[in-house]
Protein backbone atom coordinates (compact mmCIF):
# COMPACT_ATOMS: atom_id res chain seq x y z
CA MET A 1 4.14 -114.40 -150.17
CA SER A 2 1.04 -113.60 -152.21
CA ILE A 3 1.23 -111.84 -155.58
CA ARG A 4 -0.42 -108.80 -153.98
CA SER A 5 2.10 -108.72 -151.10
CA TYR A 6 4.99 -109.14 -153.53
CA ALA A 7 3.68 -106.26 -155.67
CA ILE A 8 3.36 -104.03 -152.61
CA SER A 9 6.91 -104.94 -151.57
CA ILE A 10 8.27 -104.00 -155.01
CA TRP A 11 6.26 -100.76 -154.99
CA LEU A 12 7.61 -99.81 -151.55
CA SER A 13 11.16 -100.49 -152.74
CA VAL A 14 10.68 -98.23 -155.74
CA VAL A 15 9.20 -95.49 -153.58
CA SER A 16 12.08 -95.84 -151.13
CA ILE A 17 14.68 -95.58 -153.88
CA SER A 18 12.90 -92.58 -155.39
CA ALA A 19 12.56 -90.84 -152.05
CA PHE A 20 16.20 -91.34 -151.15
CA ALA A 21 17.67 -90.73 -154.62
CA GLN A 22 18.32 -87.06 -153.86
CA GLY A 23 20.81 -87.28 -151.05
CA THR A 24 18.66 -88.53 -148.18
CA THR A 25 18.35 -91.81 -146.33
CA ASP A 26 16.43 -92.63 -143.17
CA THR A 27 19.33 -91.22 -141.14
CA THR A 28 21.45 -88.99 -143.37
CA ILE A 29 21.42 -85.95 -145.64
CA LEU A 30 24.33 -85.86 -148.10
CA ILE A 31 25.78 -82.50 -149.13
CA GLY A 32 28.53 -82.17 -151.75
CA GLN A 33 31.51 -79.85 -152.05
CA SER A 34 34.31 -79.47 -154.59
CA ALA A 35 37.16 -77.27 -153.37
CA ALA A 36 40.93 -77.07 -153.38
CA GLN A 37 42.42 -79.34 -150.73
CA SER A 38 45.81 -79.39 -152.46
CA GLY A 39 47.88 -76.99 -154.55
CA PRO A 40 48.55 -73.26 -154.14
CA ALA A 41 44.96 -72.45 -153.09
CA ALA A 42 44.58 -75.36 -150.67
CA ALA A 43 44.22 -73.20 -147.56
CA LEU A 44 41.04 -71.65 -148.95
CA GLY A 45 39.32 -75.00 -149.50
CA LYS A 46 40.48 -76.42 -146.18
CA GLU A 47 39.30 -73.38 -144.23
CA MET A 48 35.94 -73.36 -145.99
CA ARG A 49 35.46 -77.06 -145.26
CA THR A 50 36.47 -76.56 -141.62
CA GLY A 51 33.70 -74.00 -141.13
CA ILE A 52 31.07 -76.15 -142.85
CA GLU A 53 31.97 -79.28 -140.90
CA ALA A 54 32.04 -77.36 -137.61
CA TYR A 55 28.45 -76.24 -138.11
CA PHE A 56 27.34 -79.65 -139.38
CA ASN A 57 28.84 -81.25 -136.26
CA ARG A 58 26.99 -78.76 -134.07
CA ILE A 59 23.70 -79.65 -135.74
CA ASN A 60 24.41 -83.39 -135.68
CA ASN A 61 25.23 -83.27 -131.97
CA THR A 62 21.76 -81.88 -131.29
CA GLY A 63 19.87 -84.47 -133.34
CA GLY A 64 20.43 -83.33 -136.91
CA VAL A 65 17.79 -81.82 -139.18
CA HIS A 66 14.40 -83.45 -138.54
CA GLY A 67 16.29 -86.47 -137.18
CA ARG A 68 18.75 -86.84 -140.06
CA LYS A 69 22.48 -86.26 -139.64
CA LEU A 70 24.34 -84.07 -142.13
CA LYS A 71 27.29 -85.52 -144.03
CA LEU A 72 29.65 -83.48 -146.21
CA VAL A 73 31.19 -85.26 -149.19
CA SER A 74 34.16 -83.03 -150.05
CA LEU A 75 36.28 -83.64 -153.14
CA ASP A 76 39.59 -81.99 -154.04
CA ASP A 77 39.71 -80.03 -157.30
CA GLY A 78 43.06 -78.28 -156.78
CA TYR A 79 41.38 -75.02 -157.90
CA GLU A 80 41.25 -76.38 -161.44
CA PRO A 81 38.02 -76.03 -163.49
CA ASP A 82 38.12 -79.43 -165.24
CA ARG A 83 38.56 -81.26 -161.97
CA ALA A 84 35.73 -79.27 -160.38
CA LYS A 85 33.40 -80.16 -163.25
CA ALA A 86 34.28 -83.86 -162.95
CA ASN A 87 33.80 -83.71 -159.18
CA THR A 88 30.39 -82.10 -159.62
CA MET A 89 29.30 -84.90 -161.96
CA GLN A 90 30.51 -87.47 -159.43
CA LEU A 91 28.75 -85.77 -156.53
CA ILE A 92 25.46 -85.62 -158.41
CA GLU A 93 25.49 -88.90 -160.35
CA LYS A 94 27.41 -91.24 -158.03
CA GLU A 95 27.13 -89.75 -154.54
CA LYS A 96 23.62 -88.44 -155.28
CA VAL A 97 23.94 -85.45 -152.97
CA LEU A 98 20.92 -83.35 -152.13
CA ALA A 99 22.73 -80.05 -152.69
CA LEU A 100 26.14 -78.53 -153.33
CA LEU A 101 27.72 -76.22 -150.77
CA GLY A 102 30.82 -74.11 -150.33
CA TYR A 103 32.58 -74.43 -153.67
CA VAL A 104 35.76 -72.35 -153.76
CA GLY A 105 36.57 -70.12 -156.70
CA THR A 106 35.12 -68.51 -159.80
CA PRO A 107 36.69 -70.72 -162.51
CA THR A 108 35.74 -73.91 -160.66
CA SER A 109 32.19 -72.72 -159.98
CA ASN A 110 31.74 -71.57 -163.57
CA ALA A 111 32.93 -74.94 -164.89
CA SER A 112 30.41 -76.69 -162.64
CA LEU A 113 27.51 -74.35 -163.44
CA PRO A 114 26.10 -76.15 -166.52
CA VAL A 115 26.34 -79.51 -164.72
CA PHE A 116 24.36 -78.61 -161.60
CA SER A 117 21.96 -76.40 -163.58
CA GLN A 118 21.02 -79.20 -165.95
CA ALA A 119 20.65 -81.62 -163.03
CA LYS A 120 18.59 -79.01 -161.11
CA VAL A 121 20.73 -79.30 -157.99
CA PRO A 122 20.86 -76.37 -155.52
CA PHE A 123 24.28 -74.67 -155.43
CA ILE A 124 24.65 -72.72 -152.20
CA GLY A 125 27.22 -70.44 -150.60
CA ALA A 126 30.08 -70.58 -153.10
CA PHE A 127 33.27 -68.79 -152.06
CA THR A 128 33.23 -66.38 -155.01
CA GLY A 129 31.71 -63.00 -155.72
CA ALA A 130 31.59 -63.35 -159.51
CA GLN A 131 28.73 -61.85 -161.49
CA SER A 132 28.55 -65.04 -163.57
CA LEU A 133 26.85 -66.64 -160.56
CA ARG A 134 24.48 -63.69 -160.22
CA GLU A 135 23.65 -62.67 -163.79
CA PRO A 136 21.66 -63.98 -165.49
CA PHE A 137 19.45 -65.18 -162.67
CA ASN A 138 19.78 -68.93 -162.04
CA ARG A 139 17.12 -70.63 -159.92
CA TYR A 140 19.61 -73.17 -158.57
CA ILE A 141 22.25 -70.72 -157.30
CA PHE A 142 21.99 -69.15 -153.84
CA ASN A 143 24.80 -66.71 -153.07
CA VAL A 144 25.49 -66.02 -149.41
CA ARG A 145 28.35 -63.51 -149.70
CA ALA A 146 28.54 -60.08 -151.31
CA SER A 147 29.73 -59.78 -154.91
CA TYR A 148 33.14 -58.67 -156.18
CA PHE A 149 31.36 -55.59 -157.49
CA ASP A 150 30.32 -54.84 -153.89
CA GLU A 151 33.86 -55.41 -152.60
CA THR A 152 35.66 -53.37 -155.24
CA GLU A 153 33.13 -50.56 -154.85
CA GLY A 154 33.95 -50.52 -151.14
CA ILE A 155 37.70 -50.41 -151.81
CA VAL A 156 37.57 -47.72 -154.48
CA ASP A 157 35.14 -45.63 -152.44
CA HIS A 158 37.50 -45.76 -149.46
CA LEU A 159 40.52 -44.83 -151.60
CA SER A 160 38.80 -42.00 -153.47
CA ARG A 161 37.61 -40.46 -150.21
CA GLN A 162 41.28 -40.27 -149.23
CA GLY A 163 42.16 -38.58 -152.51
CA ILE A 164 43.82 -41.70 -153.92
CA ASN A 165 43.00 -41.88 -157.62
CA ASN A 166 46.15 -43.37 -159.20
CA ILE A 167 45.06 -46.99 -158.86
CA ALA A 168 46.48 -50.00 -160.71
CA VAL A 169 45.20 -53.59 -160.79
CA PHE A 170 47.10 -56.89 -160.52
CA TYR A 171 44.79 -59.73 -161.45
CA GLN A 172 44.66 -63.45 -162.09
CA ASN A 173 44.39 -64.18 -165.81
CA ASP A 174 41.06 -66.02 -165.72
CA VAL A 175 37.38 -65.41 -165.07
CA TYR A 176 37.98 -64.65 -161.39
CA GLY A 177 40.57 -62.02 -162.13
CA GLN A 178 38.46 -60.57 -164.92
CA ALA A 179 35.45 -60.35 -162.59
CA GLY A 180 37.44 -58.36 -160.06
CA LEU A 181 38.99 -56.17 -162.74
CA THR A 182 35.53 -55.35 -164.09
CA GLY A 183 34.42 -54.44 -160.59
CA VAL A 184 37.30 -52.00 -160.17
CA GLN A 185 36.61 -50.52 -163.62
CA ARG A 186 32.95 -49.96 -162.76
CA ALA A 187 33.79 -48.34 -159.44
CA MET A 188 36.39 -46.07 -161.05
CA GLN A 189 34.12 -45.06 -163.93
CA ARG A 190 31.40 -44.19 -161.45
CA ARG A 191 33.82 -41.52 -160.20
CA ASN A 192 34.96 -40.47 -163.69
CA LEU A 193 38.32 -42.17 -163.17
CA ASN A 194 40.29 -44.77 -165.11
CA ILE A 195 42.54 -47.61 -163.95
CA ALA A 196 46.13 -46.42 -164.28
CA LYS A 197 47.64 -49.75 -165.40
CA THR A 198 47.04 -53.51 -165.22
CA ALA A 199 49.18 -56.65 -165.06
CA THR A 200 48.35 -60.34 -164.74
CA VAL A 201 49.45 -63.65 -163.24
CA GLU A 202 48.35 -67.13 -164.29
CA ARG A 203 46.13 -69.19 -162.00
CA ASN A 204 48.08 -71.44 -159.59
CA SER A 205 51.32 -69.66 -160.51
CA ILE A 206 53.70 -67.39 -158.58
CA ASP A 207 55.56 -66.16 -161.65
CA VAL A 208 54.99 -62.45 -161.04
CA LYS A 209 58.19 -60.97 -162.50
CA ASN A 210 56.50 -59.47 -165.56
CA ALA A 211 53.72 -57.96 -163.44
CA VAL A 212 56.28 -56.40 -161.11
CA ASP A 213 58.20 -54.96 -164.06
CA ILE A 214 54.99 -53.39 -165.38
CA LEU A 215 53.46 -52.04 -162.18
CA ASN A 216 56.58 -50.87 -160.38
CA LYS A 217 57.15 -48.21 -163.05
CA GLY A 218 53.99 -46.21 -162.46
CA ASN A 219 54.50 -44.91 -158.91
CA HIS A 220 50.90 -45.91 -158.23
CA GLN A 221 49.28 -44.79 -155.01
CA SER A 222 47.47 -48.10 -154.65
CA ILE A 223 47.31 -51.50 -156.34
CA VAL A 224 44.15 -53.60 -156.08
CA MET A 225 44.92 -57.32 -156.37
CA ILE A 226 42.51 -59.96 -157.63
CA SER A 227 44.25 -63.29 -157.14
CA ALA A 228 44.88 -66.03 -154.54
CA TYR A 229 47.25 -65.77 -151.58
CA LYS A 230 50.34 -67.44 -153.06
CA SER A 231 50.57 -65.19 -156.10
CA CYS A 232 49.56 -62.05 -154.19
CA ALA A 233 52.20 -62.71 -151.54
CA ALA A 234 54.86 -63.28 -154.21
CA PHE A 235 53.83 -60.06 -155.96
CA ILE A 236 53.88 -57.96 -152.78
CA LYS A 237 57.28 -59.29 -151.72
CA GLU A 238 58.86 -58.64 -155.11
CA MET A 239 57.29 -55.19 -155.36
CA LYS A 240 58.66 -54.24 -151.94
CA SER A 241 62.04 -55.70 -152.86
CA ALA A 242 61.99 -53.46 -155.94
CA GLY A 243 61.40 -50.43 -153.72
CA SER A 244 57.66 -49.94 -154.09
CA THR A 245 55.84 -48.02 -151.33
CA THR A 246 52.35 -48.37 -152.81
CA GLN A 247 49.29 -49.45 -150.82
CA PHE A 248 48.31 -53.06 -151.51
CA TRP A 249 44.62 -54.00 -151.48
CA ASN A 250 42.99 -57.43 -151.90
CA VAL A 251 39.46 -58.73 -152.21
CA SER A 252 38.30 -61.39 -149.75
CA PHE A 253 38.97 -64.41 -151.97
CA VAL A 254 42.70 -63.92 -151.47
CA GLY A 255 42.44 -65.90 -148.22
CA SER A 256 43.32 -63.37 -145.53
CA LYS A 257 45.00 -65.57 -142.93
CA ALA A 258 46.88 -67.57 -145.55
CA LEU A 259 48.10 -64.33 -147.14
CA ALA A 260 49.28 -63.01 -143.78
CA ALA A 261 51.14 -66.26 -143.13
CA GLU A 262 52.81 -66.17 -146.55
CA LEU A 263 53.90 -62.56 -146.09
CA GLY A 264 55.08 -62.73 -142.47
CA GLU A 265 56.23 -59.33 -141.26
CA GLU A 266 56.05 -57.99 -144.84
CA GLY A 267 52.29 -58.20 -144.53
CA ARG A 268 51.99 -55.20 -142.22
CA GLY A 269 49.80 -52.59 -143.88
CA VAL A 270 48.33 -54.85 -146.56
CA GLN A 271 44.58 -54.29 -146.72
CA ILE A 272 41.74 -56.67 -147.54
CA SER A 273 38.01 -56.28 -148.09
CA GLN A 274 35.87 -58.84 -146.26
CA VAL A 275 32.37 -60.23 -146.78
CA VAL A 276 31.79 -61.68 -143.31
CA PRO A 277 32.08 -60.09 -139.85
CA PHE A 278 35.42 -59.90 -137.99
CA PRO A 279 36.13 -63.46 -136.75
CA TRP A 280 37.85 -62.31 -133.55
CA SER A 281 35.11 -59.91 -132.46
CA LYS A 282 32.62 -60.48 -129.67
CA ALA A 283 30.27 -57.85 -131.06
CA ASN A 284 27.73 -60.10 -132.78
CA GLY A 285 26.05 -63.39 -132.13
CA ILE A 286 27.12 -65.30 -135.23
CA VAL A 287 30.81 -64.73 -134.48
CA THR A 288 30.45 -65.66 -130.81
CA GLU A 289 28.69 -68.85 -131.83
CA TYR A 290 31.33 -69.62 -134.47
CA GLN A 291 34.16 -69.10 -131.98
CA HIS A 292 32.58 -71.41 -129.42
CA VAL A 293 31.89 -74.17 -131.93
CA VAL A 294 35.14 -74.02 -133.93
CA SER A 295 37.53 -73.66 -130.99
CA PRO A 296 36.52 -72.24 -127.61
CA ASP A 297 40.14 -72.34 -126.36
CA ASP A 298 42.30 -71.29 -129.32
CA LYS A 299 41.46 -68.04 -131.09
CA ASP A 300 44.45 -68.47 -133.42
CA VAL A 301 42.42 -70.94 -135.51
CA PHE A 302 39.77 -68.34 -136.34
CA ASN A 303 39.79 -66.89 -139.86
CA PHE A 304 37.48 -65.22 -142.36
CA SER A 305 37.23 -68.22 -144.70
CA SER A 306 36.13 -70.76 -142.10
CA LEU A 307 33.63 -68.23 -140.75
CA GLU A 308 32.26 -67.91 -144.28
CA GLY A 309 31.95 -71.70 -144.49
CA TYR A 310 30.20 -71.74 -141.10
CA ILE A 311 27.71 -69.09 -142.22
CA ALA A 312 27.07 -70.82 -145.56
CA ALA A 313 26.33 -74.06 -143.73
CA LYS A 314 24.00 -72.24 -141.34
CA VAL A 315 22.06 -70.74 -144.26
CA LEU A 316 21.73 -74.17 -145.89
CA VAL A 317 20.50 -75.77 -142.67
CA GLU A 318 17.90 -73.05 -142.25
CA GLY A 319 16.64 -73.95 -145.70
CA LEU A 320 16.62 -77.67 -144.86
CA LYS A 321 14.62 -77.06 -141.70
CA ARG A 322 12.02 -75.15 -143.70
CA ALA A 323 11.96 -77.80 -146.45
CA GLY A 324 10.16 -80.28 -144.20
CA ARG A 325 10.78 -83.74 -142.84
CA ASN A 326 11.47 -85.31 -146.24
CA PRO A 327 13.39 -82.71 -148.24
CA ASN A 328 14.19 -82.96 -151.91
CA ARG A 329 15.93 -80.51 -154.20
CA GLU A 330 12.78 -78.67 -155.24
CA SER A 331 11.46 -78.35 -151.71
CA LEU A 332 14.85 -77.01 -150.59
CA ILE A 333 14.81 -74.39 -153.35
CA ASP A 334 11.25 -73.38 -152.43
CA ALA A 335 12.22 -73.16 -148.78
CA MET A 336 15.26 -71.00 -149.52
CA GLU A 337 13.20 -68.66 -151.68
CA SER A 338 10.61 -68.25 -148.93
CA MET A 339 13.13 -67.18 -146.28
CA GLY A 340 12.75 -63.44 -146.76
CA LYS A 341 15.23 -61.60 -144.55
CA ILE A 342 16.90 -63.49 -141.70
CA ASP A 343 19.45 -62.04 -139.30
CA PHE A 344 21.73 -64.80 -138.05
CA GLY A 345 23.19 -62.61 -135.34
CA GLY A 346 25.03 -59.76 -137.02
CA PHE A 347 24.96 -61.22 -140.53
CA ALA A 348 21.71 -61.05 -142.47
CA VAL A 349 20.65 -62.72 -145.70
CA HIS A 350 17.60 -62.04 -147.81
CA TYR A 351 16.18 -64.39 -150.45
CA SER A 352 13.06 -64.31 -152.60
CA PRO A 353 11.87 -66.09 -155.77
CA GLY A 354 13.48 -63.34 -157.87
CA ASN A 355 16.61 -62.65 -155.80
CA HIS A 356 19.12 -65.27 -154.67
CA ASN A 357 21.88 -62.84 -153.61
CA GLY A 358 21.83 -63.11 -149.86
CA SER A 359 24.15 -60.35 -148.66
CA GLN A 360 25.94 -57.14 -149.62
CA PHE A 361 27.97 -56.96 -146.41
CA VAL A 362 31.47 -55.55 -146.98
CA ASP A 363 34.05 -54.61 -144.35
CA LEU A 364 37.64 -53.36 -144.72
CA THR A 365 40.56 -54.79 -142.75
CA ILE A 366 44.33 -54.40 -142.49
CA ILE A 367 47.12 -56.81 -141.53
CA THR A 368 49.04 -55.57 -138.49
CA LYS A 369 52.15 -56.94 -136.80
CA ASN A 370 52.48 -60.66 -136.01
CA GLN A 371 50.01 -61.59 -138.77
CA LYS A 372 47.08 -60.11 -136.84
CA PHE A 373 44.16 -58.16 -138.30
CA MET A 374 42.43 -54.92 -137.47
CA ARG A 375 39.23 -53.35 -138.80
């Protein structure tokens, strides 16, 4: 081999390494996720991953994105911030993913925020409505779902229209719970009302005795809960055991199907705000597509969280398609920002260079008998 040929060979190797250093090879696009696959919030992470992988499989079965197959590298963080931060570093530095998708939770996302921001890695479709991922504006964050402010506004608006103003809040004692509490406070203050009383539970705990002692004394008309399904289920059961007849409300992060399963027949009447369409409906295209891809024969596997994962994956893939045949992180960000408004069949998102909050869609649902849901 001549010196010139050898130099060209080395140059091509360097170019190849550089081109594929951001999560792409000739055949694959790597996407990273950190989410709970174990612990008290495991159902949320598993459902989110199920939806993402279902859509990735659909795309891969039709040739991938510009000929490349999508691969999800999903790591378990147990819904613990330190583990999520370490996972994010591993996904970026070792796995060299192109983007991050479908993280689950406010504390875990917040812990990861400085890592992916410094590395300039797109962070898309996190399962959290926290303002910390919306304000201040961060070029690398693309929210798909509505915010907790949107959800709590929807809940409080619904309650106040019914003349229900004695509202208490049970919340997780961390940034997620605080985000939801702030949302309820804002919605109440907008109506010249105040929260009647508050009580907390620790993350990944079901020790709710103190919260029950506090909130069962106020004869509250409604209690808005900002926590995960294990603790919310424990709280509802103990409140009912203590004789409470209050209305129980949750925001979407609770994990609706997991909550219903934890509560059993005690779940009847518990209400939950949602940020995606009704997964069992045939009314819009995105849900019909989701049902067919996830399980055409078994509707019992449908749930809000896996639908959210499916939609988040669909939004990412739309960005990848627009990013061109050889995407990198910057071209993906540019492509996402240039989307404008896109209706995916009953669920629309809208992005621009100055706005990365895709949706404000909020719906209200209730658990009925046999762990079913109704809008």
